[in-house]
Every structure is written in C-alpha cells, then in structure tokens.
Amino acid sequence: MSKNVLIYTFETCPYCIRAKRLLSKNNIDFEEIDITDNEDKLIELEKKTGIDTVPQIFVGESFIGGCDDLYALYKSGEFHKTFTT
C-alpha cells in the first residue's frame, strides 16, 4: 500500500512527466496538483521548500524533492521503502 503522495506539476514539464511515469510504473498512487497558471502557488511552495521549480514531491508531510531526487531514491533502493507502508 502506498503512502499519501502529492506532486505539484506544470502541464508540459518534461521532469514532471518523468516523475509521474516512474511513480505510475511502480504502482505508487499520487495526487497531482497542476499549478501551470498559478504563480502564487509556486511562490508559496518556494517559501515552504526553498525550491522554485517543479515537480515538487511530498510523501505525507515530508518533502522528497524533485524529479532528480525521485530517481536518486529509485537507484539507491530506497524508493519502495519511502513510498510504501
């Protein structure tokens, strides 16, 4: 069973597409929030995480990072431990 995963994205962002594809490929359910036209939400996320790009991925209240961070978790073998219970 996967944990509560939230991913903030832009509609045409190739990194967002890659991140969602990896999650889906590994049967990780996630909620996507498309903030393509919501600069205020991106500014709010930047204040919360210190990052001004997308995707921004959260597991529960924990900020995982972006696409590169997600793939690093996958390659390290920590992916399933991070996203499943």
Protein backbone atom coordinates (compact mmCIF):
# COMPACT_ATOMS: atom_id res chain seq x y z
CA MET A 1 0.00 0.00 0.00
CA SER A 2 1.42 3.38 -0.93
CA LYS A 3 1.60 6.38 1.35
CA ASN A 4 -0.11 9.70 0.65
CA VAL A 5 1.91 11.15 -2.24
CA LEU A 6 1.39 14.65 -3.58
CA ILE A 7 3.12 16.04 -6.66
CA TYR A 8 2.96 19.64 -7.85
CA THR A 9 3.45 19.94 -11.59
CA PHE A 10 3.34 22.11 -14.70
CA GLU A 11 1.34 20.67 -17.60
CA THR A 12 4.16 20.39 -20.16
CA CYS A 13 7.14 19.99 -17.83
CA PRO A 14 9.24 17.02 -19.02
CA TYR A 15 10.59 16.43 -15.48
CA CYS A 16 7.05 16.30 -14.12
CA ILE A 17 6.10 13.79 -16.80
CA ARG A 18 9.16 11.62 -15.97
CA ALA A 19 8.40 11.73 -12.23
CA LYS A 20 4.75 10.79 -12.71
CA ARG A 21 5.76 7.99 -15.09
CA LEU A 22 8.17 6.50 -12.52
CA LEU A 23 5.55 6.65 -9.77
CA SER A 24 2.90 5.08 -12.00
CA LYS A 25 5.28 2.40 -13.30
CA ASN A 26 5.88 1.36 -9.68
CA ASN A 27 2.16 1.39 -8.80
CA ILE A 28 2.50 4.38 -6.49
CA ASP A 29 -0.78 6.27 -6.27
CA PHE A 30 -0.40 10.03 -6.16
CA GLU A 31 -2.42 13.18 -6.19
CA GLU A 32 -1.31 15.67 -8.83
CA ILE A 33 -1.80 19.40 -8.44
CA ASP A 34 -1.20 21.20 -11.72
CA ILE A 35 0.00 24.73 -10.95
CA THR A 36 0.77 25.67 -14.57
CA ASP A 37 -1.02 29.02 -14.34
CA ASN A 38 -0.73 29.56 -10.59
CA GLU A 39 2.37 31.64 -9.86
CA ASP A 40 1.13 32.34 -6.32
CA LYS A 41 1.14 28.61 -5.53
CA LEU A 42 4.69 28.25 -6.88
CA ILE A 43 5.82 31.16 -4.70
CA GLU A 44 4.10 29.53 -1.70
CA LEU A 45 5.88 26.24 -2.42
CA GLU A 46 9.22 28.04 -2.78
CA LYS A 47 8.77 29.57 0.67
CA LYS A 48 7.95 26.12 2.09
CA THR A 49 10.67 24.08 0.34
CA GLY A 50 13.29 26.56 -0.87
CA ILE A 51 12.78 25.24 -4.42
CA ASP A 52 11.31 27.31 -7.27
CA THR A 53 10.89 24.54 -9.83
CA VAL A 54 8.56 21.61 -10.39
CA PRO A 55 7.89 18.86 -9.83
CA GLN A 56 7.80 19.10 -6.07
CA ILE A 57 7.02 15.77 -4.47
CA PHE A 58 5.74 15.16 -0.94
CA VAL A 59 5.14 11.92 0.95
CA GLY A 60 2.80 12.80 3.76
CA GLU A 61 4.28 15.99 5.19
CA SER A 62 7.82 15.14 4.09
CA PHE A 63 9.29 16.94 1.08
CA ILE A 64 11.11 14.41 -1.13
CA GLY A 65 12.35 16.90 -3.73
CA GLY A 66 12.05 16.92 -7.49
CA CYS A 67 12.49 14.51 -10.37
CA ASP A 68 16.24 14.01 -9.89
CA ASP A 69 15.70 13.32 -6.18
CA LEU A 70 12.98 10.81 -7.02
CA TYR A 71 15.23 8.95 -9.46
CA ALA A 72 18.09 9.00 -6.93
CA LEU A 73 15.78 7.28 -4.41
CA TYR A 74 14.89 4.72 -7.04
CA LYS A 75 18.51 3.99 -7.94
CA SER A 76 19.56 3.79 -4.29
CA GLY A 77 16.97 1.13 -3.50
CA GLU A 78 15.18 3.39 -1.00
CA PHE A 79 12.25 4.13 -3.34
CA HIS A 80 9.79 1.46 -2.18
CA LYS A 81 10.69 1.98 1.47
CA THR A 82 9.96 5.69 1.07
CA PHE A 83 6.66 5.35 -0.78
CA THR A 84 5.05 2.23 0.66
CA THR A 85 3.99 1.09 4.09
